[in-house]
């Protein structure tokens, strides 16, 4: 599956790897304002949901659900925003964003809500560790 897969440089520069799932890379967007995950299917040339066959679509949906549960394990979530836009980065990727009332963009979208605020190194490492634990035990 991974043969020919190449992560878009913009996604690589704006996020860090959390885990590799059966289909997708799970990545943390490096913006401390929002707990924000991105799933990137390791399928060369995939730009749209419709580029995936039924089995891959079901697998990606399961990974989206797991990512949402991992975000919920971190603390209060008032709304999970899930979307695949691809207007700037054409490579298929799905955003799963934990929203809290009063966050930096509430109630608007996170896109274009100001400059990204990268995590401090220690905070990023701790968050990735917590997310990995949430993936191992999504019911906690």
Protein backbone atom coordinates (compact mmCIF):
# COMPACT_ATOMS: atom_id res chain seq x y z
CA UNK A 1 0.00 0.00 0.00
CA UNK A 2 2.72 2.51 0.94
CA UNK A 3 4.68 2.02 -2.30
CA UNK A 4 4.72 5.39 -4.07
CA UNK A 5 3.14 7.21 -1.10
CA UNK A 6 4.70 10.58 -0.43
CA UNK A 7 3.35 12.94 2.24
CA UNK A 8 2.63 16.42 0.94
CA UNK A 9 5.39 18.78 2.18
CA UNK A 10 2.88 21.22 3.64
CA UNK A 11 1.26 18.49 5.76
CA UNK A 12 4.70 17.27 6.80
CA UNK A 13 5.73 20.78 7.84
CA UNK A 14 2.54 21.60 9.76
CA UNK A 15 2.13 18.32 11.66
CA UNK A 16 3.89 15.52 13.51
CA UNK A 17 3.36 11.78 13.19
CA UNK A 18 1.32 10.22 15.99
CA UNK A 19 0.82 6.72 14.58
CA UNK A 20 0.46 4.65 11.44
CA UNK A 21 -2.91 2.98 11.11
CA UNK A 22 -3.85 0.19 8.73
CA UNK A 23 -4.64 2.74 5.99
CA UNK A 24 -3.52 6.18 7.13
CA UNK A 25 -0.89 8.18 8.86
CA UNK A 26 -2.38 9.87 11.91
CA UNK A 27 -0.78 13.26 12.42
CA UNK A 28 -1.12 16.02 15.02
CA UNK A 29 -1.43 19.50 13.58
CA UNK A 30 1.17 21.62 15.31
CA UNK A 31 -1.22 24.32 16.52
CA UNK A 32 -1.63 24.55 20.29
CA UNK A 33 -4.90 26.47 19.94
CA UNK A 34 -6.80 23.34 18.89
CA UNK A 35 -6.35 19.60 19.49
CA UNK A 36 -6.38 18.72 15.80
CA UNK A 37 -5.62 15.45 14.06
CA UNK A 38 -5.22 14.72 10.37
CA UNK A 39 -5.55 11.31 8.74
CA UNK A 40 -3.64 10.86 5.48
CA UNK A 41 -4.37 7.63 3.61
CA UNK A 42 -1.15 6.11 2.30
CA UNK A 43 -2.59 5.67 -1.19
CA UNK A 44 -0.60 7.27 -4.00
CA UNK A 45 -2.62 9.73 -6.05
CA UNK A 46 -5.68 9.80 -3.76
CA UNK A 47 -7.16 13.28 -3.75
CA UNK A 48 -10.87 12.68 -3.11
CA UNK A 49 -12.93 10.35 -0.94
CA UNK A 50 -14.25 8.91 -4.23
CA UNK A 51 -10.72 7.82 -5.15
CA UNK A 52 -10.96 5.15 -2.42
CA UNK A 53 -12.71 1.86 -3.04
CA UNK A 54 -15.42 0.77 -0.61
CA UNK A 55 -13.07 -1.20 1.63
CA UNK A 56 -10.67 1.75 1.95
CA UNK A 57 -13.57 4.13 2.63
CA UNK A 58 -14.81 1.91 5.46
CA UNK A 59 -11.31 1.61 6.89
CA UNK A 60 -10.80 5.38 6.74
CA UNK A 61 -14.15 5.90 8.48
CA UNK A 62 -13.06 3.52 11.27
CA UNK A 63 -9.80 5.48 11.61
CA UNK A 64 -11.75 8.77 11.76
CA UNK A 65 -13.88 7.34 14.58
CA UNK A 66 -10.77 6.20 16.46
CA UNK A 67 -9.16 9.63 16.05
CA UNK A 68 -12.29 11.30 17.41
CA UNK A 69 -12.34 9.01 20.43
CA UNK A 70 -8.65 9.71 21.07
CA UNK A 71 -9.37 13.45 21.05
CA UNK A 72 -12.30 12.96 23.43
CA UNK A 73 -9.99 11.08 25.80
CA UNK A 74 -7.96 14.29 26.25
CA UNK A 75 -10.73 16.23 27.92
CA UNK A 76 -13.88 18.17 27.22
CA UNK A 77 -14.97 18.35 23.60
CA UNK A 78 -18.00 20.43 22.76
CA UNK A 79 -17.93 19.56 19.06
CA UNK A 80 -15.82 17.39 16.78
CA UNK A 81 -15.29 19.00 13.39
CA UNK A 82 -14.53 16.45 10.67
CA UNK A 83 -13.73 17.51 7.15
CA UNK A 84 -11.79 16.81 3.98
CA UNK A 85 -11.39 20.03 2.06
CA UNK A 86 -8.24 19.79 -0.02
CA UNK A 87 -8.43 23.22 -1.60
CA UNK A 88 -4.80 24.01 -0.75
CA UNK A 89 -3.30 20.53 -0.22
CA UNK A 90 -4.81 18.25 -2.86
CA UNK A 91 -3.57 15.01 -1.27
CA UNK A 92 -6.53 13.32 0.45
CA UNK A 93 -6.47 14.07 4.15
CA UNK A 94 -9.22 14.24 6.74
CA UNK A 95 -9.20 16.75 9.59
CA UNK A 96 -10.59 15.77 12.99
CA UNK A 97 -10.63 18.86 15.20
CA UNK A 98 -11.62 19.00 18.85
CA UNK A 99 -13.56 22.20 19.43
CA UNK A 100 -14.35 23.85 22.72
CA UNK A 101 -16.71 26.74 23.27
CA UNK A 102 -14.57 29.85 23.56
CA UNK A 103 -11.55 28.44 21.70
CA UNK A 104 -9.55 30.81 19.48
CA UNK A 105 -11.93 30.40 16.52
CA UNK A 106 -15.24 29.51 18.21
CA UNK A 107 -17.81 29.24 16.70
CA UNK A 108 -16.18 29.76 13.30
CA UNK A 109 -13.92 27.37 11.41
CA UNK A 110 -10.31 26.83 12.48
CA UNK A 111 -9.04 27.50 8.95
CA UNK A 112 -7.90 31.08 8.48
CA UNK A 113 -8.45 31.96 12.13
CA UNK A 114 -5.02 33.48 12.61
CA UNK A 115 -1.45 32.30 12.64
CA UNK A 116 -0.64 28.81 13.83
CA UNK A 117 0.77 28.66 17.36
CA UNK A 118 3.16 25.69 17.52
CA UNK A 119 3.26 23.59 20.67
CA UNK A 120 6.20 23.95 23.02
CA UNK A 121 8.41 20.90 22.54
CA UNK A 122 7.54 19.31 25.90
CA UNK A 123 3.81 19.92 25.40
CA UNK A 124 3.91 18.38 21.90
CA UNK A 125 5.72 15.27 23.17
CA UNK A 126 3.27 14.89 26.06
CA UNK A 127 0.24 15.31 23.79
CA UNK A 128 1.48 12.78 21.25
CA UNK A 129 2.07 10.34 24.12
CA UNK A 130 -1.46 10.92 25.45
CA UNK A 131 -2.93 10.45 21.99
CA UNK A 132 -1.07 7.19 21.52
CA UNK A 133 -2.46 5.96 24.85
CA UNK A 134 -5.94 7.07 23.74
CA UNK A 135 -5.54 5.05 20.55
CA UNK A 136 -4.57 1.97 22.54
CA UNK A 137 -7.53 2.38 24.89
CA UNK A 138 -10.13 4.52 23.10
CA UNK A 139 -12.73 3.84 25.80
CA UNK A 140 -10.77 5.37 28.67
